[in-house]
Amino acid sequence: MSRPSCVVAVFGGSGIDANSREYRHAYRLGKRLAQAGFAVMTGGYIGTMEAVSRGAYEAGGYVIGVPCNAIERWRPVGPNPWIHEQRRTRTLMERLQRMVSDAHAAVALPGGVGTLTELSLYWNLLLVGELSPRPFVVVGEAWHRVLRSLYRHLGEHFPDFARNLVTWVPHVDAAVNALENAFFSAASGDV
């Protein structure tokens, strides 16, 4: 299997059940990303990470997982079986670094503190220029409410140029469309 040149990191919660609506949406995102020609990168474990990995894998896509020794020491979990390539790290900080720096784009699905950390780090590194400009998409009404609340209550800390680094979309199909549009425009020189 050849690895696509464009890697999309997907952030999301580990606590979702395989029978849940969130799992089905994450699975669909992985599938649609693979069908669009993107490689996917996840944390490599359960929940959203498993669903995205499985969707991409079953659609014939390339899947990168970023498992972490520190996580496996305190939580009895191993990498999911839908990963082609592991980029194992020793610490959580190394894992965060790898997830944000190795991706050409990122998508945030609903999640908890870990997902919020990934989202904030990715956004901040884009803001300060540590990462070159790249697409960053957040999916779903929950993130929309979080962003609106931040802007309403802390608006002076979120100027337009910071807000413009994040694209909110209502569902996973719109996320894939946004990424396709971003990369199509970049490839055609319309950026």
N, C-alpha and C. Protein backbone atom coordinates (compact mmCIF):
# COMPACT_ATOMS: atom_id res chain seq x y z
N MET A 1 0.85 -1.18 0.00
CA MET A 1 0.00 0.00 0.00
C MET A 1 0.88 1.24 0.00
N SER A 2 0.64 2.13 -0.92
CA SER A 2 1.41 3.37 -0.94
C SER A 2 0.78 4.38 0.01
N ARG A 3 1.63 5.15 0.65
CA ARG A 3 1.15 6.12 1.62
C ARG A 3 0.85 7.45 0.92
N PRO A 4 -0.36 7.99 1.09
CA PRO A 4 -0.67 9.30 0.51
C PRO A 4 0.24 10.38 1.09
N SER A 5 0.48 11.41 0.32
CA SER A 5 1.41 12.46 0.75
C SER A 5 0.78 13.43 1.75
N CYS A 6 -0.52 13.45 1.87
CA CYS A 6 -1.19 14.39 2.77
C CYS A 6 -1.79 13.65 3.96
N VAL A 7 -1.33 14.01 5.16
CA VAL A 7 -1.76 13.36 6.38
C VAL A 7 -2.70 14.28 7.16
N VAL A 8 -3.86 13.76 7.52
CA VAL A 8 -4.83 14.50 8.32
C VAL A 8 -4.88 13.88 9.72
N ALA A 9 -4.51 14.66 10.72
CA ALA A 9 -4.63 14.21 12.11
C ALA A 9 -6.07 14.39 12.55
N VAL A 10 -6.60 13.40 13.25
CA VAL A 10 -7.95 13.50 13.78
C VAL A 10 -7.88 13.38 15.29
N PHE A 11 -8.39 14.40 15.98
CA PHE A 11 -8.45 14.43 17.43
C PHE A 11 -9.88 14.09 17.86
N GLY A 12 -10.02 13.35 18.93
CA GLY A 12 -11.35 13.03 19.43
C GLY A 12 -11.27 12.15 20.66
N GLY A 13 -12.39 11.99 21.31
CA GLY A 13 -12.47 11.30 22.58
C GLY A 13 -12.25 9.80 22.51
N SER A 14 -11.62 9.28 23.55
CA SER A 14 -11.38 7.83 23.63
C SER A 14 -12.55 7.10 24.29
N GLY A 15 -13.46 7.81 24.90
CA GLY A 15 -14.50 7.18 25.71
C GLY A 15 -15.79 6.88 24.99
N ILE A 16 -15.80 6.87 23.67
CA ILE A 16 -17.06 6.59 22.98
C ILE A 16 -17.21 5.10 22.72
N ASP A 17 -18.43 4.64 22.77
CA ASP A 17 -18.77 3.24 22.58
C ASP A 17 -18.91 2.92 21.09
N ALA A 18 -18.55 1.70 20.72
CA ALA A 18 -18.61 1.28 19.32
C ALA A 18 -20.03 1.28 18.75
N ASN A 19 -21.05 1.31 19.60
CA ASN A 19 -22.43 1.35 19.13
C ASN A 19 -23.02 2.76 19.12
N SER A 20 -22.21 3.76 19.41
CA SER A 20 -22.72 5.12 19.54
C SER A 20 -22.76 5.87 18.20
N ARG A 21 -23.54 6.91 18.21
CA ARG A 21 -23.63 7.80 17.04
C ARG A 21 -22.28 8.45 16.77
N GLU A 22 -21.57 8.86 17.83
CA GLU A 22 -20.25 9.47 17.66
C GLU A 22 -19.27 8.51 16.98
N TYR A 23 -19.31 7.25 17.35
CA TYR A 23 -18.44 6.25 16.73
C TYR A 23 -18.75 6.15 15.24
N ARG A 24 -20.02 6.08 14.91
CA ARG A 24 -20.43 5.99 13.49
C ARG A 24 -19.96 7.21 12.71
N HIS A 25 -20.05 8.39 13.31
CA HIS A 25 -19.60 9.61 12.63
C HIS A 25 -18.08 9.58 12.43
N ALA A 26 -17.35 9.16 13.46
CA ALA A 26 -15.89 9.08 13.36
C ALA A 26 -15.48 8.04 12.31
N TYR A 27 -16.18 6.92 12.29
CA TYR A 27 -15.93 5.89 11.27
C TYR A 27 -16.15 6.48 9.87
N ARG A 28 -17.25 7.20 9.71
CA ARG A 28 -17.55 7.82 8.40
C ARG A 28 -16.47 8.82 8.02
N LEU A 29 -15.99 9.60 8.98
CA LEU A 29 -14.92 10.56 8.68
C LEU A 29 -13.69 9.83 8.17
N GLY A 30 -13.27 8.77 8.86
CA GLY A 30 -12.10 8.01 8.40
C GLY A 30 -12.30 7.46 7.00
N LYS A 31 -13.48 6.91 6.77
CA LYS A 31 -13.80 6.34 5.45
C LYS A 31 -13.75 7.42 4.37
N ARG A 32 -14.40 8.54 4.62
CA ARG A 32 -14.45 9.62 3.63
C ARG A 32 -13.06 10.22 3.38
N LEU A 33 -12.25 10.37 4.44
CA LEU A 33 -10.89 10.89 4.25
C LEU A 33 -10.08 9.95 3.36
N ALA A 34 -10.19 8.65 3.61
CA ALA A 34 -9.46 7.69 2.78
C ALA A 34 -9.94 7.74 1.34
N GLN A 35 -11.24 7.81 1.14
CA GLN A 35 -11.80 7.87 -0.21
C GLN A 35 -11.35 9.13 -0.95
N ALA A 36 -11.09 10.20 -0.19
CA ALA A 36 -10.63 11.45 -0.79
C ALA A 36 -9.12 11.44 -1.04
N GLY A 37 -8.43 10.38 -0.60
CA GLY A 37 -7.00 10.26 -0.86
C GLY A 37 -6.09 10.73 0.26
N PHE A 38 -6.65 11.03 1.42
CA PHE A 38 -5.84 11.46 2.56
C PHE A 38 -5.42 10.25 3.39
N ALA A 39 -4.21 10.30 3.97
CA ALA A 39 -3.84 9.38 5.03
C ALA A 39 -4.41 9.96 6.32
N VAL A 40 -4.74 9.10 7.27
CA VAL A 40 -5.23 9.59 8.55
C VAL A 40 -4.22 9.24 9.64
N MET A 41 -4.13 10.13 10.63
CA MET A 41 -3.31 9.90 11.81
C MET A 41 -4.18 10.09 13.03
N THR A 42 -4.16 9.10 13.93
CA THR A 42 -4.88 9.21 15.18
C THR A 42 -3.94 8.83 16.30
N GLY A 43 -4.41 8.97 17.52
CA GLY A 43 -3.64 8.53 18.67
C GLY A 43 -3.44 7.03 18.71
N GLY A 44 -4.22 6.29 17.92
CA GLY A 44 -3.99 4.87 17.74
C GLY A 44 -4.71 3.93 18.67
N TYR A 45 -5.55 4.42 19.56
CA TYR A 45 -6.15 3.55 20.55
C TYR A 45 -7.64 3.33 20.29
N ILE A 46 -8.47 3.57 21.30
CA ILE A 46 -9.89 3.22 21.27
C ILE A 46 -10.76 4.44 20.99
N GLY A 47 -12.07 4.23 20.98
CA GLY A 47 -13.02 5.34 20.82
C GLY A 47 -12.93 5.96 19.44
N THR A 48 -12.85 7.27 19.41
CA THR A 48 -12.75 8.00 18.14
C THR A 48 -11.56 7.54 17.33
N MET A 49 -10.43 7.32 18.00
CA MET A 49 -9.22 6.90 17.30
C MET A 49 -9.43 5.59 16.56
N GLU A 50 -10.09 4.65 17.23
CA GLU A 50 -10.38 3.35 16.61
C GLU A 50 -11.36 3.52 15.45
N ALA A 51 -12.40 4.29 15.66
CA ALA A 51 -13.43 4.45 14.62
C ALA A 51 -12.85 5.08 13.36
N VAL A 52 -12.07 6.14 13.51
CA VAL A 52 -11.47 6.80 12.35
C VAL A 52 -10.50 5.85 11.66
N SER A 53 -9.65 5.19 12.46
CA SER A 53 -8.68 4.25 11.90
C SER A 53 -9.39 3.13 11.12
N ARG A 54 -10.41 2.57 11.73
CA ARG A 54 -11.14 1.48 11.10
C ARG A 54 -11.82 1.92 9.81
N GLY A 55 -12.47 3.08 9.85
CA GLY A 55 -13.14 3.59 8.65
C GLY A 55 -12.16 3.79 7.50
N ALA A 56 -11.02 4.39 7.80
CA ALA A 56 -10.02 4.63 6.76
C ALA A 56 -9.44 3.32 6.25
N TYR A 57 -9.10 2.43 7.17
CA TYR A 57 -8.51 1.14 6.83
C TYR A 57 -9.45 0.33 5.93
N GLU A 58 -10.71 0.24 6.34
CA GLU A 58 -11.68 -0.54 5.58
C GLU A 58 -12.01 0.07 4.23
N ALA A 59 -11.73 1.36 4.06
CA ALA A 59 -11.94 2.03 2.77
C ALA A 59 -10.67 1.98 1.91
N GLY A 60 -9.64 1.28 2.40
CA GLY A 60 -8.40 1.15 1.62
C GLY A 60 -7.41 2.27 1.85
N GLY A 61 -7.63 3.09 2.89
CA GLY A 61 -6.73 4.20 3.16
C GLY A 61 -5.55 3.80 4.02
N TYR A 62 -4.63 4.73 4.16
CA TYR A 62 -3.41 4.52 4.95
C TYR A 62 -3.63 5.13 6.34
N VAL A 63 -3.30 4.35 7.38
CA VAL A 63 -3.59 4.77 8.75
C VAL A 63 -2.30 4.78 9.57
N ILE A 64 -2.06 5.92 10.21
CA ILE A 64 -0.92 6.10 11.10
C ILE A 64 -1.46 6.23 12.52
N GLY A 65 -0.88 5.49 13.44
CA GLY A 65 -1.24 5.58 14.85
C GLY A 65 -0.05 6.10 15.63
N VAL A 66 -0.34 6.87 16.68
CA VAL A 66 0.72 7.43 17.53
C VAL A 66 0.51 6.93 18.96
N PRO A 67 0.85 5.66 19.20
CA PRO A 67 0.73 5.13 20.56
C PRO A 67 1.83 5.68 21.46
N CYS A 68 1.63 5.54 22.76
CA CYS A 68 2.52 6.18 23.73
C CYS A 68 2.78 5.24 24.90
N ASN A 69 4.05 5.03 25.21
CA ASN A 69 4.43 4.16 26.32
C ASN A 69 3.81 4.63 27.64
N ALA A 70 3.79 5.94 27.86
CA ALA A 70 3.25 6.46 29.12
C ALA A 70 1.78 6.12 29.28
N ILE A 71 1.01 6.22 28.21
CA ILE A 71 -0.42 5.88 28.28
C ILE A 71 -0.57 4.41 28.63
N GLU A 72 0.20 3.55 28.00
CA GLU A 72 0.05 2.12 28.21
C GLU A 72 0.53 1.67 29.59
N ARG A 73 1.33 2.49 30.26
CA ARG A 73 1.74 2.17 31.63
C ARG A 73 0.60 2.41 32.62
N TRP A 74 -0.24 3.43 32.39
CA TRP A 74 -1.30 3.73 33.36
C TRP A 74 -2.68 3.31 32.90
N ARG A 75 -2.81 2.84 31.68
CA ARG A 75 -4.13 2.42 31.19
C ARG A 75 -3.95 1.13 30.40
N PRO A 76 -4.67 0.08 30.72
CA PRO A 76 -4.49 -1.19 30.01
C PRO A 76 -5.11 -1.15 28.61
N VAL A 77 -4.38 -0.58 27.68
CA VAL A 77 -4.87 -0.44 26.32
C VAL A 77 -3.69 -0.61 25.36
N GLY A 78 -3.97 -1.16 24.20
CA GLY A 78 -2.95 -1.29 23.17
C GLY A 78 -3.44 -0.66 21.88
N PRO A 79 -2.56 -0.50 20.91
CA PRO A 79 -2.97 0.08 19.63
C PRO A 79 -4.09 -0.73 18.98
N ASN A 80 -4.97 -0.05 18.28
CA ASN A 80 -6.06 -0.75 17.61
C ASN A 80 -5.51 -1.49 16.37
N PRO A 81 -6.24 -2.48 15.87
CA PRO A 81 -5.72 -3.31 14.77
C PRO A 81 -5.82 -2.69 13.38
N TRP A 82 -6.28 -1.47 13.26
CA TRP A 82 -6.47 -0.85 11.95
C TRP A 82 -5.40 0.17 11.62
N ILE A 83 -4.18 -0.08 12.04
CA ILE A 83 -3.06 0.85 11.83
C ILE A 83 -2.04 0.20 10.91
N HIS A 84 -1.60 0.93 9.90
CA HIS A 84 -0.53 0.46 9.02
C HIS A 84 0.85 0.81 9.58
N GLU A 85 0.94 1.97 10.18
CA GLU A 85 2.24 2.48 10.64
C GLU A 85 2.09 3.03 12.05
N GLN A 86 2.98 2.61 12.94
CA GLN A 86 3.00 3.17 14.29
C GLN A 86 4.16 4.16 14.40
N ARG A 87 3.87 5.31 15.00
CA ARG A 87 4.90 6.29 15.32
C ARG A 87 4.91 6.42 16.85
N ARG A 88 5.44 5.40 17.49
CA ARG A 88 5.41 5.28 18.95
C ARG A 88 6.25 6.37 19.61
N THR A 89 5.71 6.89 20.72
CA THR A 89 6.43 7.88 21.52
C THR A 89 6.56 7.37 22.96
N ARG A 90 7.48 7.97 23.69
CA ARG A 90 7.68 7.59 25.09
C ARG A 90 6.74 8.35 26.01
N THR A 91 6.56 9.65 25.76
CA THR A 91 5.81 10.50 26.68
C THR A 91 4.61 11.14 25.98
N LEU A 92 3.70 11.65 26.80
CA LEU A 92 2.54 12.37 26.25
C LEU A 92 2.96 13.63 25.51
N MET A 93 3.98 14.31 26.00
CA MET A 93 4.44 15.53 25.32
C MET A 93 4.98 15.20 23.93
N GLU A 94 5.74 14.12 23.83
CA GLU A 94 6.24 13.69 22.52
C GLU A 94 5.08 13.32 21.60
N ARG A 95 4.08 12.68 22.17
CA ARG A 95 2.91 12.28 21.39
C ARG A 95 2.18 13.50 20.84
N LEU A 96 1.95 14.48 21.69
CA LEU A 96 1.32 15.72 21.24
C LEU A 96 2.13 16.37 20.12
N GLN A 97 3.44 16.45 20.32
CA GLN A 97 4.32 17.05 19.32
C GLN A 97 4.19 16.33 17.98
N ARG A 98 4.22 15.03 18.02
CA ARG A 98 4.14 14.25 16.79
C ARG A 98 2.78 14.45 16.11
N MET A 99 1.70 14.43 16.90
CA MET A 99 0.35 14.56 16.33
C MET A 99 0.17 15.90 15.62
N VAL A 100 0.73 16.96 16.17
CA VAL A 100 0.52 18.27 15.54
C VAL A 100 1.56 18.56 14.46
N SER A 101 2.78 18.10 14.63
CA SER A 101 3.81 18.48 13.66
C SER A 101 3.84 17.59 12.43
N ASP A 102 3.40 16.34 12.54
CA ASP A 102 3.45 15.42 11.40
C ASP A 102 2.23 15.53 10.49
N ALA A 103 1.27 16.33 10.85
CA ALA A 103 0.03 16.43 10.07
C ALA A 103 0.05 17.63 9.14
N HIS A 104 -0.56 17.47 7.97
CA HIS A 104 -0.72 18.57 7.02
C HIS A 104 -2.04 19.30 7.22
N ALA A 105 -2.90 18.72 8.05
CA ALA A 105 -4.20 19.30 8.39
C ALA A 105 -4.69 18.56 9.63
N ALA A 106 -5.68 19.15 10.31
CA ALA A 106 -6.24 18.49 11.49
C ALA A 106 -7.75 18.69 11.53
N VAL A 107 -8.40 17.68 12.11
CA VAL A 107 -9.84 17.71 12.33
C VAL A 107 -10.08 17.35 13.79
N ALA A 108 -10.88 18.15 14.48
CA ALA A 108 -11.24 17.85 15.87
C ALA A 108 -12.70 17.44 15.94
N LEU A 109 -12.92 16.22 16.41
CA LEU A 109 -14.26 15.73 16.71
C LEU A 109 -14.51 15.94 18.20
N PRO A 110 -15.72 15.72 18.68
CA PRO A 110 -15.98 15.88 20.11
C PRO A 110 -15.06 15.01 20.96
N GLY A 111 -14.68 15.53 22.11
CA GLY A 111 -13.82 14.80 23.02
C GLY A 111 -13.70 15.51 24.34
N GLY A 112 -12.81 15.03 25.16
CA GLY A 112 -12.62 15.57 26.50
C GLY A 112 -11.38 16.43 26.63
N VAL A 113 -10.73 16.34 27.77
CA VAL A 113 -9.58 17.18 28.08
C VAL A 113 -8.43 16.93 27.10
N GLY A 114 -8.18 15.66 26.77
CA GLY A 114 -7.10 15.36 25.82
C GLY A 114 -7.35 15.99 24.46
N THR A 115 -8.58 15.90 23.98
CA THR A 115 -8.94 16.49 22.70
C THR A 115 -8.83 18.01 22.76
N LEU A 116 -9.27 18.58 23.86
CA LEU A 116 -9.15 20.03 24.04
C LEU A 116 -7.69 20.46 24.04
N THR A 117 -6.82 19.67 24.64
CA THR A 117 -5.38 19.95 24.64
C THR A 117 -4.84 19.93 23.23
N GLU A 118 -5.20 18.89 22.46
CA GLU A 118 -4.72 18.79 21.08
C GLU A 118 -5.22 19.96 20.25
N LEU A 119 -6.50 20.27 20.38
CA LEU A 119 -7.10 21.38 19.65
C LEU A 119 -6.39 22.69 19.99
N SER A 120 -6.20 22.97 21.28
CA SER A 120 -5.59 24.22 21.72
C SER A 120 -4.15 24.33 21.25
N LEU A 121 -3.40 23.24 21.37
CA LEU A 121 -2.00 23.26 20.95
C LEU A 121 -1.89 23.50 19.45
N TYR A 122 -2.67 22.77 18.68
CA TYR A 122 -2.63 22.93 17.22
C TYR A 122 -2.97 24.37 16.83
N TRP A 123 -4.03 24.89 17.42
CA TRP A 123 -4.48 26.25 17.13
C TRP A 123 -3.41 27.26 17.52
N ASN A 124 -2.83 27.11 18.69
CA ASN A 124 -1.83 28.07 19.14
C ASN A 124 -0.57 28.01 18.28
N LEU A 125 -0.14 26.82 17.89
CA LEU A 125 1.05 26.72 17.05
C LEU A 125 0.81 27.31 15.67
N LEU A 126 -0.40 27.21 15.16
CA LEU A 126 -0.75 27.91 13.92
C LEU A 126 -0.69 29.42 14.13
N LEU A 127 -1.24 29.87 15.25
CA LEU A 127 -1.33 31.29 15.55
C LEU A 127 0.05 31.95 15.62
N VAL A 128 0.99 31.30 16.30
CA VAL A 128 2.32 31.90 16.49
C VAL A 128 3.28 31.58 15.36
N GLY A 129 2.84 30.84 14.35
CA GLY A 129 3.68 30.54 13.20
C GLY A 129 4.63 29.37 13.41
N GLU A 130 4.49 28.64 14.51
CA GLU A 130 5.32 27.45 14.73
C GLU A 130 4.98 26.36 13.71
N LEU A 131 3.71 26.31 13.30
CA LEU A 131 3.28 25.46 12.20
C LEU A 131 3.00 26.36 11.00
N SER A 132 3.40 25.92 9.83
CA SER A 132 3.06 26.67 8.62
C SER A 132 1.54 26.64 8.44
N PRO A 133 0.97 27.58 7.72
CA PRO A 133 -0.49 27.60 7.54
C PRO A 133 -0.99 26.27 6.97
N ARG A 134 -2.06 25.77 7.59
CA ARG A 134 -2.66 24.51 7.16
C ARG A 134 -4.09 24.44 7.67
N PRO A 135 -4.92 23.65 7.03
CA PRO A 135 -6.32 23.57 7.44
C PRO A 135 -6.50 23.00 8.84
N PHE A 136 -7.46 23.58 9.55
CA PHE A 136 -7.84 23.11 10.88
C PHE A 136 -9.35 23.21 10.99
N VAL A 137 -10.00 22.04 11.09
CA VAL A 137 -11.45 21.97 11.05
C VAL A 137 -11.96 21.36 12.36
N VAL A 138 -12.95 22.01 12.96
CA VAL A 138 -13.61 21.46 14.14
C VAL A 138 -15.05 21.11 13.74
N VAL A 139 -15.51 19.95 14.22
CA VAL A 139 -16.76 19.38 13.74
C VAL A 139 -17.79 19.29 14.85
N GLY A 140 -18.99 19.76 14.55
CA GLY A 140 -20.12 19.53 15.42
C GLY A 140 -20.58 20.73 16.22
N GLU A 141 -21.80 20.64 16.65
CA GLU A 141 -22.43 21.73 17.40
C GLU A 141 -21.74 21.99 18.73
N ALA A 142 -21.22 20.95 19.38
CA ALA A 142 -20.56 21.16 20.67
C ALA A 142 -19.35 22.09 20.53
N TRP A 143 -18.50 21.85 19.53
CA TRP A 143 -17.35 22.75 19.32
C TRP A 143 -17.82 24.14 18.91
N HIS A 144 -18.92 24.21 18.15
CA HIS A 144 -19.45 25.51 17.75
C HIS A 144 -19.84 26.32 18.99
N ARG A 145 -20.50 25.66 19.93
CA ARG A 145 -20.90 26.34 21.18
C ARG A 145 -19.67 26.76 21.99
N VAL A 146 -18.66 25.91 22.04
CA VAL A 146 -17.42 26.24 22.77
C VAL A 146 -16.77 27.47 22.15
N LEU A 147 -16.63 27.47 20.83
CA LEU A 147 -16.00 28.61 20.16
C LEU A 147 -16.80 29.89 20.36
N ARG A 148 -18.12 29.80 20.20
CA ARG A 148 -18.96 30.99 20.41
C ARG A 148 -18.81 31.52 21.82
N SER A 149 -18.74 30.63 22.80
CA SER A 149 -18.58 31.05 24.19
C SER A 149 -17.23 31.72 24.41
N LEU A 150 -16.18 31.14 23.87
CA LEU A 150 -14.86 31.77 23.99
C LEU A 150 -14.87 33.17 23.39
N TYR A 151 -15.41 33.29 22.20
CA TYR A 151 -15.43 34.58 21.53
C TYR A 151 -16.30 35.59 22.28
N ARG A 152 -17.40 35.12 22.85
CA ARG A 152 -18.30 36.02 23.57
C ARG A 152 -17.68 36.47 24.90
N HIS A 153 -17.09 35.55 25.63
CA HIS A 153 -16.59 35.89 26.96
C HIS A 153 -15.15 36.35 26.99
N LEU A 154 -14.38 35.96 25.99
CA LEU A 154 -12.95 36.31 25.95
C LEU A 154 -12.57 36.93 24.61
N GLY A 155 -13.52 37.61 24.01
CA GLY A 155 -13.35 38.12 22.65
C GLY A 155 -12.09 38.91 22.41
N GLU A 156 -11.67 39.72 23.38
CA GLU A 156 -10.47 40.54 23.17
C GLU A 156 -9.21 39.68 23.05
N HIS A 157 -9.28 38.44 23.51
CA HIS A 157 -8.14 37.53 23.41
C HIS A 157 -8.18 36.68 22.14
N PHE A 158 -9.24 36.85 21.36
CA PHE A 158 -9.41 36.08 20.13
C PHE A 158 -9.69 37.02 18.96
N PRO A 159 -8.67 37.73 18.50
CA PRO A 159 -8.88 38.63 17.36
C PRO A 159 -9.24 37.84 16.10
N ASP A 160 -9.70 38.55 15.08
CA ASP A 160 -10.16 37.90 13.86
C ASP A 160 -9.12 36.97 13.26
N PHE A 161 -7.84 37.38 13.26
CA PHE A 161 -6.83 36.53 12.63
C PHE A 161 -6.68 35.19 13.37
N ALA A 162 -6.93 35.17 14.67
CA ALA A 162 -6.91 33.91 15.42
C ALA A 162 -8.15 33.08 15.10
N ARG A 163 -9.29 33.72 15.05
CA ARG A 163 -10.54 33.03 14.74
C ARG A 163 -10.52 32.41 13.34
N ASN A 164 -9.88 33.11 12.42
CA ASN A 164 -9.85 32.66 11.03
C ASN A 164 -8.97 31.43 10.81
N LEU A 165 -8.22 31.01 11.81
CA LEU A 165 -7.39 29.82 11.68
C LEU A 165 -8.18 28.53 11.86
N VAL A 166 -9.40 28.66 12.38
CA VAL A 166 -10.25 27.51 12.66
C VAL A 166 -11.50 27.58 11.79
N THR A 167 -11.82 26.47 11.16
CA THR A 167 -13.05 26.37 10.37
C THR A 167 -13.99 25.44 11.10
N TRP A 168 -15.17 25.94 11.44
CA TRP A 168 -16.19 25.10 12.05
C TRP A 168 -17.09 24.56 10.97
N VAL A 169 -17.43 23.27 11.07
CA VAL A 169 -18.40 22.64 10.17
C VAL A 169 -19.37 21.82 11.00
N PRO A 170 -20.60 21.62 10.50
CA PRO A 170 -21.60 20.92 11.30
C PRO A 170 -21.47 19.40 11.34
N HIS A 171 -20.82 18.79 10.34
CA HIS A 171 -20.76 17.32 10.28
C HIS A 171 -19.51 16.87 9.53
N VAL A 172 -19.25 15.56 9.58
CA VAL A 172 -18.00 15.03 9.03
C VAL A 172 -17.92 15.15 7.52
N ASP A 173 -19.02 15.07 6.81
CA ASP A 173 -18.97 15.24 5.36
C ASP A 173 -18.50 16.65 5.00
N ALA A 174 -18.96 17.64 5.75
CA ALA A 174 -18.52 19.01 5.51
C ALA A 174 -17.04 19.18 5.84
N ALA A 175 -16.56 18.42 6.81
CA ALA A 175 -15.12 18.48 7.15
C ALA A 175 -14.28 18.00 5.98
N VAL A 176 -14.67 16.88 5.40
CA VAL A 176 -13.92 16.35 4.25
C VAL A 176 -14.01 17.33 3.08
N ASN A 177 -15.19 17.89 2.84
CA ASN A 177 -15.33 18.88 1.77
C ASN A 177 -14.42 20.08 2.00
N ALA A 178 -14.34 20.56 3.24
CA ALA A 178 -13.48 21.70 3.57
C ALA A 178 -12.01 21.38 3.29
N LEU A 179 -11.59 20.17 3.65
CA LEU A 179 -10.20 19.77 3.40
C LEU A 179 -9.94 19.63 1.90
N GLU A 180 -10.85 19.02 1.19
CA GLU A 180 -10.68 18.90 -0.26
C GLU A 180 -10.59 20.28 -0.90
N ASN A 181 -11.45 21.21 -0.48
CA ASN A 181 -11.41 22.56 -1.03
C ASN A 181 -10.10 23.26 -0.69
N ALA A 182 -9.62 23.09 0.54
CA ALA A 182 -8.37 23.73 0.95
C ALA A 182 -7.19 23.21 0.14
N PHE A 183 -7.12 21.92 -0.04
CA PHE A 183 -5.99 21.35 -0.76
C PHE A 183 -6.13 21.52 -2.26
N PHE A 184 -7.36 21.49 -2.77
CA PHE A 184 -7.57 21.75 -4.20
C PHE A 184 -7.16 23.18 -4.54
N SER A 185 -7.59 24.14 -3.70
CA SER A 185 -7.23 25.55 -3.93
C SER A 185 -5.73 25.75 -3.84
N ALA A 186 -5.08 25.08 -2.87
CA ALA A 186 -3.63 25.22 -2.71
C ALA A 186 -2.92 24.63 -3.92
N ALA A 187 -3.41 23.50 -4.42
CA ALA A 187 -2.78 22.86 -5.57
C ALA A 187 -2.95 23.67 -6.85
N SER A 188 -4.07 24.39 -6.94
CA SER A 188 -4.31 25.17 -8.15
C SER A 188 -3.77 26.58 -8.06
N GLY A 189 -3.18 26.92 -6.90
CA GLY A 189 -2.59 28.25 -6.74
C GLY A 189 -3.58 29.32 -6.35
N ASP A 190 -4.77 28.94 -5.91
CA ASP A 190 -5.81 29.93 -5.56
C ASP A 190 -5.79 30.33 -4.09
N VAL A 191 -4.75 29.97 -3.37
CA VAL A 191 -4.72 30.25 -1.93
C VAL A 191 -4.67 31.74 -1.67
